[in-house]
Amino acid sequence: MVLGEKLSILFLCTGNSARSIMAEAIANHLFGERLEACSGGSHPKDAPNPLAIQTLKGHNIETDDLRSKSWNEFRGRGRRFDLVVTLCDSAPDESCPTFPGADTTHWGFPDPPAADDPPAMFETVYQGLVEAIGRFVQTPGEIDQRAAEVAEFIRHRFGKDLPV
Protein backbone atom coordinates (compact mmCIF):
# COMPACT_ATOMS: atom_id res chain seq x y z
CA MET A 1 0.00 0.00 0.00
CA VAL A 2 1.28 3.46 -0.90
CA LEU A 3 1.54 6.13 1.80
CA GLY A 4 -1.53 8.35 1.69
CA GLU A 5 -3.58 5.75 -0.21
CA LYS A 6 -6.94 4.82 1.27
CA LEU A 7 -7.36 1.36 2.77
CA SER A 8 -10.00 -0.71 0.99
CA ILE A 9 -12.23 -2.74 3.32
CA LEU A 10 -14.99 -5.23 2.56
CA PHE A 11 -17.47 -5.92 5.36
CA LEU A 12 -19.30 -9.25 5.07
CA CYS A 13 -22.42 -10.60 6.75
CA THR A 14 -24.98 -13.17 5.71
CA GLY A 15 -27.84 -10.90 4.61
CA ASN A 16 -25.92 -7.66 4.01
CA SER A 17 -28.87 -5.80 5.46
CA ALA A 18 -27.82 -4.70 8.95
CA ARG A 19 -24.29 -4.96 10.43
CA SER A 20 -22.29 -4.93 7.20
CA ILE A 21 -24.46 -2.21 5.61
CA MET A 22 -24.00 -0.09 8.74
CA ALA A 23 -20.23 -0.72 8.78
CA GLU A 24 -19.93 0.31 5.12
CA ALA A 25 -21.85 3.54 5.72
CA ILE A 26 -20.02 4.38 8.96
CA ALA A 27 -16.58 3.74 7.49
CA ASN A 28 -17.23 5.84 4.40
CA HIS A 29 -18.97 8.68 6.26
CA LEU A 30 -16.80 9.02 9.38
CA PHE A 31 -13.48 7.71 8.11
CA GLY A 32 -13.71 8.27 4.34
CA GLU A 33 -10.48 10.21 4.24
CA ARG A 34 -8.63 7.02 5.30
CA LEU A 35 -10.93 4.17 4.18
CA GLU A 36 -12.97 3.06 1.21
CA ALA A 37 -15.56 0.54 2.35
CA CYS A 38 -17.94 -1.86 0.60
CA SER A 39 -20.19 -4.58 1.96
CA GLY A 40 -21.71 -7.81 0.77
CA GLY A 41 -23.37 -10.99 1.96
CA SER A 42 -23.62 -14.69 1.24
CA HIS A 43 -27.43 -14.51 1.02
CA PRO A 44 -28.27 -10.83 0.58
CA LYS A 45 -31.73 -9.62 1.51
CA ASP A 46 -33.88 -7.70 -0.94
CA ALA A 47 -33.06 -4.42 0.82
CA PRO A 48 -31.26 -3.05 3.88
CA ASN A 49 -33.12 -3.46 7.15
CA PRO A 50 -35.31 -0.37 7.77
CA LEU A 51 -34.02 -0.11 11.35
CA ALA A 52 -30.43 -0.06 10.06
CA ILE A 53 -31.35 2.79 7.73
CA GLN A 54 -33.23 4.60 10.50
CA THR A 55 -30.25 4.24 12.87
CA LEU A 56 -27.81 5.60 10.28
CA LYS A 57 -30.12 8.51 9.40
CA GLY A 58 -30.46 9.25 13.11
CA HIS A 59 -26.70 9.88 13.09
CA ASN A 60 -26.85 12.00 9.92
CA ILE A 61 -25.28 9.35 7.72
CA GLU A 62 -26.38 9.27 4.07
CA THR A 63 -28.21 6.07 3.11
CA ASP A 64 -29.54 6.73 -0.42
CA ASP A 65 -26.90 4.60 -2.18
CA LEU A 66 -26.98 1.67 0.25
CA ARG A 67 -28.27 -1.63 -1.08
CA SER A 68 -27.94 -5.27 -0.09
CA LYS A 69 -25.59 -7.08 -2.45
CA SER A 70 -23.88 -10.43 -2.88
CA TRP A 71 -20.24 -10.80 -2.02
CA ASN A 72 -19.89 -12.27 -5.50
CA GLU A 73 -20.08 -8.72 -6.90
CA PHE A 74 -16.56 -8.23 -5.56
CA ARG A 75 -14.97 -11.53 -6.63
CA GLY A 76 -12.98 -11.97 -9.80
CA ARG A 77 -13.46 -8.45 -11.11
CA GLY A 78 -10.01 -7.15 -10.38
CA ARG A 79 -11.25 -5.50 -7.18
CA ARG A 80 -8.61 -5.62 -4.47
CA PHE A 81 -9.22 -5.25 -0.75
CA ASP A 82 -6.69 -4.62 1.98
CA LEU A 83 -8.95 -6.10 4.64
CA VAL A 84 -12.04 -8.32 4.66
CA VAL A 85 -14.05 -8.22 7.91
CA THR A 86 -16.80 -10.69 8.80
CA LEU A 87 -19.31 -9.27 11.28
CA CYS A 88 -21.85 -12.04 11.98
CA ASP A 89 -21.59 -13.83 15.30
CA SER A 90 -21.85 -17.12 13.36
CA ALA A 91 -19.36 -16.13 10.64
CA PRO A 92 -16.40 -18.13 12.01
CA ASP A 93 -18.47 -21.26 11.31
CA GLU A 94 -19.45 -20.19 7.78
CA SER A 95 -17.38 -20.61 4.65
CA CYS A 96 -16.46 -17.23 3.19
CA PRO A 97 -14.89 -16.60 -0.19
CA THR A 98 -11.24 -15.68 -0.40
CA PHE A 99 -10.06 -12.34 -1.67
CA PRO A 100 -6.42 -12.70 -2.76
CA GLY A 101 -4.07 -10.25 -1.11
CA ALA A 102 -6.53 -9.24 1.61
CA ASP A 103 -5.98 -9.71 5.31
CA THR A 104 -9.05 -11.18 7.00
CA THR A 105 -10.52 -10.78 10.47
CA HIS A 106 -13.71 -11.45 12.38
CA TRP A 107 -15.39 -8.73 14.42
CA GLY A 108 -18.41 -10.53 15.86
CA PHE A 109 -21.51 -8.47 16.62
CA PRO A 110 -24.94 -9.86 17.47
CA ASP A 111 -27.75 -9.75 14.92
CA PRO A 112 -29.85 -6.65 15.77
CA PRO A 113 -33.12 -7.89 14.16
CA ALA A 114 -32.92 -11.06 16.30
CA ALA A 115 -32.56 -9.15 19.59
CA ASP A 116 -35.32 -8.74 22.17
CA ASP A 117 -35.20 -4.98 21.57
CA PRO A 118 -34.08 -4.50 17.94
CA PRO A 119 -34.01 -0.66 17.95
CA ALA A 120 -31.79 -0.64 21.05
CA MET A 121 -29.53 -3.32 19.58
CA PHE A 122 -29.18 -1.43 16.30
CA GLU A 123 -27.99 1.57 18.30
CA THR A 124 -25.61 -0.58 20.38
CA VAL A 125 -24.16 -2.18 17.24
CA TYR A 126 -23.88 1.25 15.59
CA GLN A 127 -21.88 2.59 18.54
CA GLY A 128 -19.73 -0.56 18.59
CA LEU A 129 -18.96 -0.27 14.89
CA VAL A 130 -18.04 3.41 15.23
CA GLU A 131 -15.66 2.53 18.05
CA ALA A 132 -14.22 -0.55 16.30
CA ILE A 133 -13.62 1.16 12.95
CA GLY A 134 -12.24 4.23 14.71
CA ARG A 135 -9.80 2.09 16.69
CA PHE A 136 -8.73 0.31 13.52
CA VAL A 137 -8.05 3.63 11.76
CA GLN A 138 -6.19 5.11 14.73
CA THR A 139 -4.10 2.07 15.76
CA PRO A 140 -0.58 2.09 14.34
CA GLY A 141 0.95 -1.00 12.77
CA GLU A 142 0.32 -3.49 10.02
CA ILE A 143 -3.24 -4.11 8.83
CA ASP A 144 -3.48 -7.66 10.17
CA GLN A 145 -2.11 -6.63 13.57
CA ARG A 146 -4.51 -3.67 13.83
CA ALA A 147 -7.48 -5.81 12.80
CA ALA A 148 -6.57 -8.47 15.38
CA GLU A 149 -6.29 -5.84 18.12
CA VAL A 150 -9.76 -4.53 17.24
CA ALA A 151 -11.15 -8.10 17.24
CA GLU A 152 -9.75 -8.58 20.75
CA PHE A 153 -11.19 -5.22 21.83
CA ILE A 154 -14.63 -6.23 20.51
CA ARG A 155 -14.48 -9.58 22.33
CA HIS A 156 -13.64 -7.87 25.62
CA ARG A 157 -15.79 -4.77 25.30
CA PHE A 158 -18.88 -6.04 23.55
CA GLY A 159 -18.88 -9.83 23.71
CA LYS A 160 -20.33 -10.15 27.18
CA ASP A 161 -22.09 -6.80 27.50
CA LEU A 162 -24.40 -6.98 24.50
CA PRO A 163 -27.91 -8.24 25.21
CA VAL A 164 -29.11 -10.77 22.67
C-alpha atoms as a PDB file:
ATOM      1  CA  MET A   1       0.000   0.000   0.000  1.00  0.00           C
ATOM      2  CA  VAL A   2       1.277   3.464  -0.898  1.00  0.00           C
ATOM      3  CA  LEU A   3       1.543   6.134   1.799  1.00  0.00           C
ATOM      4  CA  GLY A   4      -1.533   8.347   1.685  1.00  0.00           C
ATOM      5  CA  GLU A   5      -3.577   5.751  -0.212  1.00  0.00           C
ATOM      6  CA  LYS A   6      -6.944   4.817   1.273  1.00  0.00           C
ATOM      7  CA  LEU A   7      -7.362   1.357   2.765  1.00  0.00           C
ATOM      8  CA  SER A   8      -9.996  -0.709   0.993  1.00  0.00           C
ATOM      9  CA  ILE A   9     -12.235  -2.735   3.324  1.00  0.00           C
ATOM     10  CA  LEU A  10     -14.988  -5.230   2.558  1.00  0.00           C
ATOM     11  CA  PHE A  11     -17.474  -5.918   5.362  1.00  0.00           C
ATOM     12  CA  LEU A  12     -19.302  -9.252   5.069  1.00  0.00           C
ATOM     13  CA  CYS A  13     -22.421 -10.596   6.755  1.00  0.00           C
ATOM     14  CA  THR A  14     -24.985 -13.170   5.712  1.00  0.00           C
ATOM     15  CA  GLY A  15     -27.845 -10.895   4.612  1.00  0.00           C
ATOM     16  CA  ASN A  16     -25.920  -7.662   4.007  1.00  0.00           C
ATOM     17  CA  SER A  17     -28.866  -5.803   5.463  1.00  0.00           C
ATOM     18  CA  ALA A  18     -27.821  -4.696   8.953  1.00  0.00           C
ATOM     19  CA  ARG A  19     -24.292  -4.961  10.426  1.00  0.00           C
ATOM     20  CA  SER A  20     -22.285  -4.927   7.198  1.00  0.00           C
ATOM     21  CA  ILE A  21     -24.456  -2.206   5.612  1.00  0.00           C
ATOM     22  CA  MET A  22     -23.996  -0.086   8.738  1.00  0.00           C
ATOM     23  CA  ALA A  23     -20.232  -0.718   8.780  1.00  0.00           C
ATOM     24  CA  GLU A  24     -19.931   0.310   5.124  1.00  0.00           C
ATOM     25  CA  ALA A  25     -21.853   3.538   5.719  1.00  0.00           C
ATOM     26  CA  ILE A  26     -20.020   4.383   8.961  1.00  0.00           C
ATOM     27  CA  ALA A  27     -16.575   3.745   7.489  1.00  0.00           C
ATOM     28  CA  ASN A  28     -17.226   5.837   4.401  1.00  0.00           C
ATOM     29  CA  HIS A  29     -18.967   8.678   6.264  1.00  0.00           C
ATOM     30  CA  LEU A  30     -16.805   9.017   9.376  1.00  0.00           C
ATOM     31  CA  PHE A  31     -13.483   7.709   8.115  1.00  0.00           C
ATOM     32  CA  GLY A  32     -13.714   8.265   4.342  1.00  0.00           C
ATOM     33  CA  GLU A  33     -10.478  10.209   4.235  1.00  0.00           C
ATOM     34  CA  ARG A  34      -8.635   7.018   5.299  1.00  0.00           C
ATOM     35  CA  LEU A  35     -10.925   4.174   4.175  1.00  0.00           C
ATOM     36  CA  GLU A  36     -12.975   3.064   1.209  1.00  0.00           C
ATOM     37  CA  ALA A  37     -15.562   0.541   2.354  1.00  0.00           C
ATOM     38  CA  CYS A  38     -17.936  -1.855   0.604  1.00  0.00           C
ATOM     39  CA  SER A  39     -20.194  -4.578   1.961  1.00  0.00           C
ATOM     40  CA  GLY A  40     -21.715  -7.809   0.773  1.00  0.00           C
ATOM     41  CA  GLY A  41     -23.366 -10.992   1.959  1.00  0.00           C
ATOM     42  CA  SER A  42     -23.623 -14.686   1.239  1.00  0.00           C
ATOM     43  CA  HIS A  43     -27.429 -14.513   1.016  1.00  0.00           C
ATOM     44  CA  PRO A  44     -28.269 -10.830   0.575  1.00  0.00           C
ATOM     45  CA  LYS A  45     -31.726  -9.623   1.506  1.00  0.00           C
ATOM     46  CA  ASP A  46     -33.884  -7.700  -0.938  1.00  0.00           C
ATOM     47  CA  ALA A  47     -33.059  -4.418   0.819  1.00  0.00           C
ATOM     48  CA  PRO A  48     -31.264  -3.049   3.881  1.00  0.00           C
ATOM     49  CA  ASN A  49     -33.124  -3.456   7.151  1.00  0.00           C
ATOM     50  CA  PRO A  50     -35.312  -0.375   7.770  1.00  0.00           C
ATOM     51  CA  LEU A  51     -34.018  -0.107  11.353  1.00  0.00           C
ATOM     52  CA  ALA A  52     -30.426  -0.058  10.063  1.00  0.00           C
ATOM     53  CA  ILE A  53     -31.350   2.793   7.728  1.00  0.00           C
ATOM     54  CA  GLN A  54     -33.232   4.601  10.504  1.00  0.00           C
ATOM     55  CA  THR A  55     -30.246   4.237  12.869  1.00  0.00           C
ATOM     56  CA  LEU A  56     -27.814   5.598  10.276  1.00  0.00           C
ATOM     57  CA  LYS A  57     -30.115   8.506   9.399  1.00  0.00           C
ATOM     58  CA  GLY A  58     -30.455   9.247  13.108  1.00  0.00           C
ATOM     59  CA  HIS A  59     -26.699   9.878  13.090  1.00  0.00           C
ATOM     60  CA  ASN A  60     -26.854  12.000   9.924  1.00  0.00           C
ATOM     61  CA  ILE A  61     -25.284   9.351   7.721  1.00  0.00           C
ATOM     62  CA  GLU A  62     -26.380   9.271   4.071  1.00  0.00           C
ATOM     63  CA  THR A  63     -28.215   6.069   3.114  1.00  0.00           C
ATOM     64  CA  ASP A  64     -29.536   6.726  -0.416  1.00  0.00           C
ATOM     65  CA  ASP A  65     -26.900   4.600  -2.176  1.00  0.00           C
ATOM     66  CA  LEU A  66     -26.978   1.666   0.254  1.00  0.00           C
ATOM     67  CA  ARG A  67     -28.265  -1.631  -1.081  1.00  0.00           C
ATOM     68  CA  SER A  68     -27.936  -5.271  -0.087  1.00  0.00           C
ATOM     69  CA  LYS A  69     -25.588  -7.082  -2.448  1.00  0.00           C
ATOM     70  CA  SER A  70     -23.881 -10.426  -2.875  1.00  0.00           C
ATOM     71  CA  TRP A  71     -20.236 -10.797  -2.021  1.00  0.00           C
ATOM     72  CA  ASN A  72     -19.889 -12.273  -5.502  1.00  0.00           C
ATOM     73  CA  GLU A  73     -20.077  -8.724  -6.901  1.00  0.00           C
ATOM     74  CA  PHE A  74     -16.563  -8.234  -5.557  1.00  0.00           C
ATOM     75  CA  ARG A  75     -14.971 -11.526  -6.628  1.00  0.00           C
ATOM     76  CA  GLY A  76     -12.980 -11.973  -9.803  1.00  0.00           C
ATOM     77  CA  ARG A  77     -13.458  -8.451 -11.115  1.00  0.00           C
ATOM     78  CA  GLY A  78     -10.006  -7.151 -10.381  1.00  0.00           C
ATOM     79  CA  ARG A  79     -11.254  -5.504  -7.182  1.00  0.00           C
ATOM     80  CA  ARG A  80      -8.613  -5.622  -4.473  1.00  0.00           C
ATOM     81  CA  PHE A  81      -9.221  -5.252  -0.750  1.00  0.00           C
ATOM     82  CA  ASP A  82      -6.689  -4.616   1.976  1.00  0.00           C
ATOM     83  CA  LEU A  83      -8.952  -6.101   4.635  1.00  0.00           C
ATOM     84  CA  VAL A  84     -12.039  -8.324   4.662  1.00  0.00           C
ATOM     85  CA  VAL A  85     -14.055  -8.217   7.907  1.00  0.00           C
ATOM     86  CA  THR A  86     -16.798 -10.686   8.797  1.00  0.00           C
ATOM     87  CA  LEU A  87     -19.309  -9.265  11.284  1.00  0.00           C
ATOM     88  CA  CYS A  88     -21.847 -12.041  11.985  1.00  0.00           C
ATOM     89  CA  ASP A  89     -21.588 -13.827  15.297  1.00  0.00           C
ATOM     90  CA  SER A  90     -21.855 -17.122  13.364  1.00  0.00           C
ATOM     91  CA  ALA A  91     -19.359 -16.133  10.639  1.00  0.00           C
ATOM     92  CA  PRO A  92     -16.401 -18.127  12.012  1.00  0.00           C
ATOM     93  CA  ASP A  93     -18.471 -21.261  11.308  1.00  0.00           C
ATOM     94  CA  GLU A  94     -19.447 -20.192   7.782  1.00  0.00           C
ATOM     95  CA  SER A  95     -17.383 -20.609   4.654  1.00  0.00           C
ATOM     96  CA  CYS A  96     -16.464 -17.226   3.193  1.00  0.00           C
ATOM     97  CA  PRO A  97     -14.887 -16.596  -0.188  1.00  0.00           C
ATOM     98  CA  THR A  98     -11.242 -15.678  -0.401  1.00  0.00           C
ATOM     99  CA  PHE A  99     -10.061 -12.340  -1.675  1.00  0.00           C
ATOM    100  CA  PRO A 100      -6.424 -12.703  -2.759  1.00  0.00           C
ATOM    101  CA  GLY A 101      -4.069 -10.251  -1.111  1.00  0.00           C
ATOM    102  CA  ALA A 102      -6.530  -9.242   1.610  1.00  0.00           C
ATOM    103  CA  ASP A 103      -5.977  -9.710   5.306  1.00  0.00           C
ATOM    104  CA  THR A 104      -9.045 -11.177   6.999  1.00  0.00           C
ATOM    105  CA  THR A 105     -10.516 -10.784  10.468  1.00  0.00           C
ATOM    106  CA  HIS A 106     -13.709 -11.451  12.379  1.00  0.00           C
ATOM    107  CA  TRP A 107     -15.394  -8.727  14.422  1.00  0.00           C
ATOM    108  CA  GLY A 108     -18.412 -10.535  15.865  1.00  0.00           C
ATOM    109  CA  PHE A 109     -21.506  -8.471  16.615  1.00  0.00           C
ATOM    110  CA  PRO A 110     -24.945  -9.863  17.469  1.00  0.00           C
ATOM    111  CA  ASP A 111     -27.754  -9.745  14.923  1.00  0.00           C
ATOM    112  CA  PRO A 112     -29.854  -6.649  15.765  1.00  0.00           C
ATOM    113  CA  PRO A 113     -33.123  -7.889  14.163  1.00  0.00           C
ATOM    114  CA  ALA A 114     -32.923 -11.059  16.301  1.00  0.00           C
ATOM    115  CA  ALA A 115     -32.564  -9.148  19.590  1.00  0.00           C
ATOM    116  CA  ASP A 116     -35.315  -8.744  22.171  1.00  0.00           C
ATOM    117  CA  ASP A 117     -35.198  -4.983  21.571  1.00  0.00           C
ATOM    118  CA  PRO A 118     -34.083  -4.499  17.944  1.00  0.00           C
ATOM    119  CA  PRO A 119     -34.009  -0.661  17.947  1.00  0.00           C
ATOM    120  CA  ALA A 120     -31.787  -0.635  21.045  1.00  0.00           C
ATOM    121  CA  MET A 121     -29.529  -3.321  19.577  1.00  0.00           C
ATOM    122  CA  PHE A 122     -29.177  -1.432  16.295  1.00  0.00           C
ATOM    123  CA  GLU A 123     -27.988   1.572  18.298  1.00  0.00           C
ATOM    124  CA  THR A 124     -25.615  -0.585  20.379  1.00  0.00           C
ATOM    125  CA  VAL A 125     -24.157  -2.177  17.244  1.00  0.00           C
ATOM    126  CA  TYR A 126     -23.876   1.249  15.589  1.00  0.00           C
ATOM    127  CA  GLN A 127     -21.884   2.586  18.544  1.00  0.00           C
ATOM    128  CA  GLY A 128     -19.734  -0.560  18.591  1.00  0.00           C
ATOM    129  CA  LEU A 129     -18.963  -0.274  14.885  1.00  0.00           C
ATOM    130  CA  VAL A 130     -18.038   3.412  15.229  1.00  0.00           C
ATOM    131  CA  GLU A 131     -15.663   2.530  18.051  1.00  0.00           C
ATOM    132  CA  ALA A 132     -14.218  -0.550  16.304  1.00  0.00           C
ATOM    133  CA  ILE A 133     -13.618   1.158  12.946  1.00  0.00           C
ATOM    134  CA  GLY A 134     -12.245   4.227  14.711  1.00  0.00           C
ATOM    135  CA  ARG A 135      -9.802   2.087  16.694  1.00  0.00           C
ATOM    136  CA  PHE A 136      -8.731   0.310  13.517  1.00  0.00           C
ATOM    137  CA  VAL A 137      -8.049   3.627  11.764  1.00  0.00           C
ATOM    138  CA  GLN A 138      -6.186   5.105  14.727  1.00  0.00           C
ATOM    139  CA  THR A 139      -4.103   2.070  15.764  1.00  0.00           C
ATOM    140  CA  PRO A 140      -0.576   2.094  14.343  1.00  0.00           C
ATOM    141  CA  GLY A 141       0.947  -1.002  12.768  1.00  0.00           C
ATOM    142  CA  GLU A 142       0.318  -3.494  10.017  1.00  0.00           C
ATOM    143  CA  ILE A 143      -3.241  -4.106   8.832  1.00  0.00           C
ATOM    144  CA  ASP A 144      -3.477  -7.656  10.171  1.00  0.00           C
ATOM    145  CA  GLN A 145      -2.114  -6.625  13.574  1.00  0.00           C
ATOM    146  CA  ARG A 146      -4.510  -3.668  13.826  1.00  0.00           C
ATOM    147  CA  ALA A 147      -7.478  -5.815  12.797  1.00  0.00           C
ATOM    148  CA  ALA A 148      -6.573  -8.468  15.381  1.00  0.00           C
ATOM    149  CA  GLU A 149      -6.295  -5.836  18.123  1.00  0.00           C
ATOM    150  CA  VAL A 150      -9.760  -4.533  17.237  1.00  0.00           C
ATOM    151  CA  ALA A 151     -11.148  -8.096  17.244  1.00  0.00           C
ATOM    152  CA  GLU A 152      -9.751  -8.578  20.750  1.00  0.00           C
ATOM    153  CA  PHE A 153     -11.189  -5.218  21.835  1.00  0.00           C
ATOM    154  CA  ILE A 154     -14.634  -6.228  20.510  1.00  0.00           C
ATOM    155  CA  ARG A 155     -14.485  -9.577  22.327  1.00  0.00           C
ATOM    156  CA  HIS A 156     -13.640  -7.873  25.618  1.00  0.00           C
ATOM    157  CA  ARG A 157     -15.789  -4.768  25.302  1.00  0.00           C
ATOM    158  CA  PHE A 158     -18.881  -6.038  23.546  1.00  0.00           C
ATOM    159  CA  GLY A 159     -18.885  -9.830  23.706  1.00  0.00           C
ATOM    160  CA  LYS A 160     -20.331 -10.147  27.183  1.00  0.00           C
ATOM    161  CA  ASP A 161     -22.094  -6.804  27.496  1.00  0.00           C
ATOM    162  CA  LEU A 162     -24.405  -6.978  24.495  1.00  0.00           C
ATOM    163  CA  PRO A 163     -27.906  -8.240  25.214  1.00  0.00           C
ATOM    164  CA  VAL A 164     -29.112 -10.772  22.666  1.00  0.00           C
END
